[in-house]
Amino acid sequence: MWIGGPARISLNVSPAYQPGRYRSPPHLHFQIERLDTPSEGLPVDHERARRILRSGSPIARWYLAAENDLPQDVINALQRDDDTAVVAAVESGEKFRTMHAAAQEHMRRQEDLP
């Protein structure tokens, strides 16, 4: 990770593995974040996810499958996608969605404390 000026740059690498029925290929995740935006990112837009699901390219659906906060109908459809890379991506992202949901719930409980 590198932080300097108005940006944070991170690079993550994952080896190939098979979380379920489909093999997840090795991948490299390169992220650039602006430091003047909220750390939680932009507000969740479930309708955008549904639009990508309906009319997005396989690559757009692959990226969508990696998002943490997806409605269950979108996850279900991605699990049945014709492109096996999309299916592998949504399956490999399950643990991150589970951790994200648990973290969100923990933060909500913390906010409710006196």
N, C-alpha and C. Protein backbone atom coordinates (compact mmCIF):
# COMPACT_ATOMS: atom_id res chain seq x y z
N MET A 1 0.85 -1.17 0.00
CA MET A 1 0.00 0.00 0.00
C MET A 1 0.90 1.24 0.00
N TRP A 2 0.48 2.26 -0.71
CA TRP A 2 1.19 3.52 -0.76
C TRP A 2 0.18 4.63 -0.54
N ILE A 3 0.49 5.56 0.34
CA ILE A 3 -0.37 6.72 0.58
C ILE A 3 0.48 7.95 0.37
N GLY A 4 0.02 8.84 -0.47
CA GLY A 4 0.74 10.07 -0.72
C GLY A 4 -0.13 11.03 -1.49
N GLY A 5 0.03 12.30 -1.22
CA GLY A 5 -0.79 13.28 -1.90
C GLY A 5 -2.25 13.01 -1.61
N PRO A 6 -3.11 13.12 -2.61
CA PRO A 6 -4.54 12.93 -2.38
C PRO A 6 -5.03 11.50 -2.61
N ALA A 7 -4.11 10.51 -2.65
CA ALA A 7 -4.55 9.16 -3.02
C ALA A 7 -3.90 8.08 -2.17
N ARG A 8 -4.58 6.95 -2.12
CA ARG A 8 -4.06 5.72 -1.52
C ARG A 8 -4.08 4.67 -2.62
N ILE A 9 -2.98 3.98 -2.79
CA ILE A 9 -2.88 2.95 -3.83
C ILE A 9 -2.56 1.63 -3.14
N SER A 10 -3.33 0.59 -3.48
CA SER A 10 -3.05 -0.72 -2.91
C SER A 10 -3.06 -1.76 -4.02
N LEU A 11 -2.32 -2.82 -3.78
CA LEU A 11 -2.20 -3.90 -4.73
C LEU A 11 -2.33 -5.21 -3.96
N ASN A 12 -3.27 -6.05 -4.35
CA ASN A 12 -3.49 -7.34 -3.69
C ASN A 12 -3.47 -8.43 -4.74
N VAL A 13 -2.91 -9.57 -4.36
CA VAL A 13 -2.80 -10.70 -5.28
C VAL A 13 -3.47 -11.91 -4.63
N SER A 14 -4.21 -12.68 -5.42
CA SER A 14 -4.83 -13.91 -4.94
C SER A 14 -4.48 -15.05 -5.88
N PRO A 15 -4.08 -16.18 -5.34
CA PRO A 15 -3.79 -17.33 -6.21
C PRO A 15 -5.09 -17.98 -6.68
N ALA A 16 -4.97 -18.85 -7.63
CA ALA A 16 -6.14 -19.60 -8.09
C ALA A 16 -6.60 -20.54 -6.98
N TYR A 17 -7.90 -20.70 -6.86
CA TYR A 17 -8.44 -21.69 -5.93
C TYR A 17 -9.86 -22.04 -6.35
N GLN A 18 -10.41 -23.04 -5.74
CA GLN A 18 -11.74 -23.51 -6.12
C GLN A 18 -12.64 -23.49 -4.89
N PRO A 19 -13.42 -22.39 -4.70
CA PRO A 19 -14.25 -22.27 -3.50
C PRO A 19 -15.51 -23.13 -3.56
N GLY A 20 -15.87 -23.57 -4.71
CA GLY A 20 -17.09 -24.37 -4.89
C GLY A 20 -16.96 -25.20 -6.14
N ARG A 21 -17.99 -25.16 -6.95
CA ARG A 21 -17.98 -25.95 -8.18
C ARG A 21 -17.04 -25.38 -9.24
N TYR A 22 -16.80 -24.09 -9.20
CA TYR A 22 -16.03 -23.45 -10.26
C TYR A 22 -14.69 -22.94 -9.73
N ARG A 23 -13.71 -23.03 -10.57
CA ARG A 23 -12.36 -22.59 -10.22
C ARG A 23 -12.27 -21.07 -10.37
N SER A 24 -11.73 -20.43 -9.35
CA SER A 24 -11.49 -19.00 -9.40
C SER A 24 -10.07 -18.78 -9.90
N PRO A 25 -9.89 -18.08 -11.00
CA PRO A 25 -8.53 -17.89 -11.53
C PRO A 25 -7.72 -16.96 -10.62
N PRO A 26 -6.41 -17.01 -10.73
CA PRO A 26 -5.61 -16.06 -9.95
C PRO A 26 -5.96 -14.65 -10.42
N HIS A 27 -5.90 -13.71 -9.51
CA HIS A 27 -6.19 -12.34 -9.93
C HIS A 27 -5.39 -11.33 -9.13
N LEU A 28 -5.28 -10.19 -9.73
CA LEU A 28 -4.55 -9.06 -9.19
C LEU A 28 -5.56 -7.93 -9.02
N HIS A 29 -5.62 -7.36 -7.83
CA HIS A 29 -6.56 -6.28 -7.55
C HIS A 29 -5.76 -5.01 -7.29
N PHE A 30 -5.93 -4.05 -8.16
CA PHE A 30 -5.24 -2.77 -8.05
C PHE A 30 -6.29 -1.73 -7.72
N GLN A 31 -6.10 -1.00 -6.63
CA GLN A 31 -7.11 -0.05 -6.19
C GLN A 31 -6.50 1.32 -5.94
N ILE A 32 -7.17 2.33 -6.45
CA ILE A 32 -6.76 3.71 -6.19
C ILE A 32 -7.95 4.38 -5.51
N GLU A 33 -7.70 4.94 -4.33
CA GLU A 33 -8.76 5.62 -3.58
C GLU A 33 -8.39 7.08 -3.38
N ARG A 34 -9.36 7.92 -3.51
CA ARG A 34 -9.16 9.34 -3.19
C ARG A 34 -9.30 9.49 -1.69
N LEU A 35 -8.42 10.24 -1.08
CA LEU A 35 -8.47 10.43 0.37
C LEU A 35 -9.50 11.46 0.79
N ASP A 36 -10.05 12.21 -0.17
CA ASP A 36 -11.04 13.22 0.19
C ASP A 36 -12.48 12.72 0.00
N THR A 37 -12.65 11.41 -0.10
CA THR A 37 -13.99 10.83 -0.20
C THR A 37 -14.25 9.96 1.03
N PRO A 38 -15.49 9.65 1.32
CA PRO A 38 -15.78 8.84 2.50
C PRO A 38 -15.14 7.45 2.39
N SER A 39 -14.58 6.96 3.50
CA SER A 39 -13.92 5.66 3.47
C SER A 39 -14.89 4.53 3.17
N GLU A 40 -16.16 4.73 3.48
CA GLU A 40 -17.15 3.69 3.19
C GLU A 40 -17.58 3.68 1.73
N GLY A 41 -17.09 4.61 0.95
CA GLY A 41 -17.39 4.63 -0.48
C GLY A 41 -18.70 5.31 -0.79
N LEU A 42 -19.12 5.17 -2.01
CA LEU A 42 -20.38 5.77 -2.46
C LEU A 42 -21.56 4.99 -1.90
N PRO A 43 -22.72 5.62 -1.83
CA PRO A 43 -23.89 4.89 -1.35
C PRO A 43 -24.19 3.68 -2.23
N VAL A 44 -24.70 2.64 -1.62
CA VAL A 44 -25.05 1.42 -2.35
C VAL A 44 -26.20 1.72 -3.31
N ASP A 45 -26.09 1.21 -4.54
CA ASP A 45 -27.13 1.41 -5.55
C ASP A 45 -27.54 0.05 -6.10
N HIS A 46 -28.55 -0.56 -5.49
CA HIS A 46 -28.98 -1.89 -5.91
C HIS A 46 -29.58 -1.90 -7.32
N GLU A 47 -30.18 -0.80 -7.72
CA GLU A 47 -30.73 -0.74 -9.09
C GLU A 47 -29.62 -0.75 -10.12
N ARG A 48 -28.49 -0.12 -9.82
CA ARG A 48 -27.34 -0.16 -10.71
C ARG A 48 -26.87 -1.61 -10.87
N ALA A 49 -26.82 -2.33 -9.76
CA ALA A 49 -26.41 -3.74 -9.82
C ALA A 49 -27.36 -4.54 -10.71
N ARG A 50 -28.64 -4.28 -10.60
CA ARG A 50 -29.62 -5.00 -11.44
C ARG A 50 -29.48 -4.62 -12.92
N ARG A 51 -29.15 -3.35 -13.19
CA ARG A 51 -28.93 -2.94 -14.59
C ARG A 51 -27.71 -3.65 -15.17
N ILE A 52 -26.63 -3.73 -14.40
CA ILE A 52 -25.43 -4.42 -14.88
C ILE A 52 -25.74 -5.89 -15.11
N LEU A 53 -26.51 -6.47 -14.21
CA LEU A 53 -26.89 -7.87 -14.35
C LEU A 53 -27.66 -8.11 -15.64
N ARG A 54 -28.59 -7.21 -15.95
CA ARG A 54 -29.43 -7.37 -17.15
C ARG A 54 -28.68 -7.09 -18.45
N SER A 55 -27.85 -6.04 -18.45
CA SER A 55 -27.29 -5.61 -19.73
C SER A 55 -25.78 -5.43 -19.74
N GLY A 56 -25.12 -5.77 -18.65
CA GLY A 56 -23.67 -5.59 -18.60
C GLY A 56 -22.91 -6.70 -19.30
N SER A 57 -21.71 -6.40 -19.69
CA SER A 57 -20.83 -7.39 -20.33
C SER A 57 -20.41 -8.42 -19.27
N PRO A 58 -19.86 -9.55 -19.72
CA PRO A 58 -19.34 -10.51 -18.74
C PRO A 58 -18.30 -9.89 -17.80
N ILE A 59 -17.48 -8.99 -18.31
CA ILE A 59 -16.48 -8.34 -17.46
C ILE A 59 -17.16 -7.44 -16.42
N ALA A 60 -18.19 -6.71 -16.84
CA ALA A 60 -18.92 -5.86 -15.89
C ALA A 60 -19.60 -6.72 -14.83
N ARG A 61 -20.15 -7.87 -15.23
CA ARG A 61 -20.79 -8.77 -14.25
C ARG A 61 -19.74 -9.39 -13.34
N TRP A 62 -18.54 -9.67 -13.85
CA TRP A 62 -17.46 -10.21 -13.03
C TRP A 62 -17.08 -9.21 -11.95
N TYR A 63 -16.94 -7.93 -12.34
CA TYR A 63 -16.64 -6.89 -11.35
C TYR A 63 -17.79 -6.75 -10.35
N LEU A 64 -19.01 -6.80 -10.84
CA LEU A 64 -20.18 -6.71 -9.97
C LEU A 64 -20.17 -7.81 -8.93
N ALA A 65 -19.78 -9.01 -9.33
CA ALA A 65 -19.78 -10.16 -8.43
C ALA A 65 -18.86 -9.95 -7.24
N ALA A 66 -17.89 -9.05 -7.34
CA ALA A 66 -16.94 -8.80 -6.25
C ALA A 66 -17.44 -7.75 -5.27
N GLU A 67 -18.57 -7.12 -5.56
CA GLU A 67 -19.07 -6.10 -4.64
C GLU A 67 -19.60 -6.73 -3.36
N ASN A 68 -19.42 -6.03 -2.25
CA ASN A 68 -19.78 -6.56 -0.94
C ASN A 68 -21.26 -6.49 -0.61
N ASP A 69 -21.92 -5.48 -1.11
CA ASP A 69 -23.31 -5.24 -0.70
C ASP A 69 -24.24 -5.40 -1.90
N LEU A 70 -24.59 -6.64 -2.18
CA LEU A 70 -25.48 -6.94 -3.31
C LEU A 70 -26.79 -7.52 -2.78
N PRO A 71 -27.90 -7.17 -3.41
CA PRO A 71 -29.16 -7.80 -3.01
C PRO A 71 -29.15 -9.30 -3.36
N GLN A 72 -29.89 -10.07 -2.61
CA GLN A 72 -29.87 -11.52 -2.78
C GLN A 72 -30.31 -11.94 -4.18
N ASP A 73 -31.26 -11.22 -4.81
CA ASP A 73 -31.70 -11.60 -6.16
C ASP A 73 -30.56 -11.46 -7.17
N VAL A 74 -29.69 -10.46 -6.97
CA VAL A 74 -28.54 -10.28 -7.87
C VAL A 74 -27.53 -11.40 -7.64
N ILE A 75 -27.26 -11.72 -6.38
CA ILE A 75 -26.34 -12.82 -6.07
C ILE A 75 -26.84 -14.12 -6.69
N ASN A 76 -28.13 -14.40 -6.53
CA ASN A 76 -28.70 -15.63 -7.09
C ASN A 76 -28.54 -15.69 -8.60
N ALA A 77 -28.79 -14.57 -9.28
CA ALA A 77 -28.66 -14.53 -10.74
C ALA A 77 -27.20 -14.69 -11.17
N LEU A 78 -26.28 -14.06 -10.44
CA LEU A 78 -24.85 -14.20 -10.77
C LEU A 78 -24.39 -15.64 -10.58
N GLN A 79 -24.95 -16.34 -9.62
CA GLN A 79 -24.60 -17.74 -9.40
C GLN A 79 -25.06 -18.63 -10.55
N ARG A 80 -26.02 -18.16 -11.34
CA ARG A 80 -26.52 -18.92 -12.50
C ARG A 80 -26.03 -18.34 -13.83
N ASP A 81 -25.07 -17.42 -13.78
CA ASP A 81 -24.57 -16.75 -14.98
C ASP A 81 -24.00 -17.78 -15.98
N ASP A 82 -24.12 -17.48 -17.26
CA ASP A 82 -23.57 -18.35 -18.31
C ASP A 82 -22.04 -18.36 -18.32
N ASP A 83 -21.43 -17.30 -17.82
CA ASP A 83 -19.97 -17.19 -17.81
C ASP A 83 -19.43 -17.80 -16.51
N THR A 84 -18.63 -18.84 -16.62
CA THR A 84 -18.12 -19.52 -15.42
C THR A 84 -17.20 -18.64 -14.59
N ALA A 85 -16.54 -17.66 -15.20
CA ALA A 85 -15.69 -16.75 -14.44
C ALA A 85 -16.55 -15.88 -13.51
N VAL A 86 -17.73 -15.49 -13.98
CA VAL A 86 -18.65 -14.71 -13.15
C VAL A 86 -19.13 -15.56 -11.98
N VAL A 87 -19.47 -16.80 -12.25
CA VAL A 87 -19.93 -17.71 -11.19
C VAL A 87 -18.82 -17.92 -10.16
N ALA A 88 -17.60 -18.13 -10.62
CA ALA A 88 -16.47 -18.31 -9.70
C ALA A 88 -16.25 -17.05 -8.87
N ALA A 89 -16.40 -15.89 -9.48
CA ALA A 89 -16.19 -14.63 -8.76
C ALA A 89 -17.23 -14.43 -7.67
N VAL A 90 -18.49 -14.74 -7.98
CA VAL A 90 -19.53 -14.54 -6.96
C VAL A 90 -19.37 -15.56 -5.84
N GLU A 91 -18.95 -16.76 -6.17
CA GLU A 91 -18.73 -17.76 -5.13
C GLU A 91 -17.52 -17.39 -4.26
N SER A 92 -16.45 -16.92 -4.88
CA SER A 92 -15.27 -16.57 -4.09
C SER A 92 -15.52 -15.31 -3.26
N GLY A 93 -16.45 -14.48 -3.68
CA GLY A 93 -16.77 -13.27 -2.91
C GLY A 93 -17.68 -13.50 -1.74
N GLU A 94 -18.22 -14.71 -1.60
CA GLU A 94 -19.17 -14.99 -0.53
C GLU A 94 -18.58 -14.72 0.85
N LYS A 95 -17.35 -15.13 1.09
CA LYS A 95 -16.76 -14.92 2.42
C LYS A 95 -16.59 -13.43 2.71
N PHE A 96 -16.30 -12.63 1.68
CA PHE A 96 -16.15 -11.20 1.89
C PHE A 96 -17.51 -10.54 2.15
N ARG A 97 -18.55 -11.00 1.44
CA ARG A 97 -19.89 -10.47 1.71
C ARG A 97 -20.33 -10.81 3.12
N THR A 98 -20.00 -12.02 3.59
CA THR A 98 -20.36 -12.43 4.94
C THR A 98 -19.62 -11.57 5.97
N MET A 99 -18.32 -11.37 5.76
CA MET A 99 -17.54 -10.53 6.69
C MET A 99 -18.03 -9.08 6.66
N HIS A 100 -18.37 -8.58 5.48
CA HIS A 100 -18.86 -7.21 5.35
C HIS A 100 -20.17 -7.04 6.11
N ALA A 101 -21.08 -8.00 5.95
CA ALA A 101 -22.36 -7.93 6.64
C ALA A 101 -22.17 -7.98 8.15
N ALA A 102 -21.27 -8.83 8.62
CA ALA A 102 -21.00 -8.92 10.05
C ALA A 102 -20.39 -7.62 10.58
N ALA A 103 -19.49 -7.02 9.82
CA ALA A 103 -18.88 -5.76 10.23
C ALA A 103 -19.92 -4.64 10.27
N GLN A 104 -20.81 -4.61 9.28
CA GLN A 104 -21.86 -3.60 9.26
C GLN A 104 -22.78 -3.75 10.47
N GLU A 105 -23.13 -4.98 10.80
CA GLU A 105 -23.99 -5.24 11.96
C GLU A 105 -23.28 -4.83 13.24
N HIS A 106 -22.00 -5.13 13.36
CA HIS A 106 -21.22 -4.74 14.54
C HIS A 106 -21.20 -3.22 14.68
N MET A 107 -20.99 -2.50 13.59
CA MET A 107 -20.95 -1.03 13.65
C MET A 107 -22.32 -0.48 14.05
N ARG A 108 -23.40 -1.09 13.54
CA ARG A 108 -24.75 -0.64 13.94
C ARG A 108 -24.96 -0.82 15.44
N ARG A 109 -24.51 -1.97 15.99
CA ARG A 109 -24.67 -2.22 17.42
C ARG A 109 -23.85 -1.22 18.23
N GLN A 110 -22.64 -0.90 17.75
CA GLN A 110 -21.79 0.07 18.45
C GLN A 110 -22.42 1.46 18.48
N GLU A 111 -23.11 1.81 17.41
CA GLU A 111 -23.76 3.12 17.35
C GLU A 111 -24.93 3.20 18.33
N ASP A 112 -25.54 2.04 18.63
CA ASP A 112 -26.69 2.00 19.53
C ASP A 112 -26.29 2.04 21.01
N LEU A 113 -25.01 1.84 21.31
CA LEU A 113 -24.56 1.84 22.71
C LEU A 113 -24.61 3.27 23.26
N PRO A 114 -24.88 3.37 24.57
CA PRO A 114 -24.94 4.73 25.18
C PRO A 114 -23.58 5.37 25.27
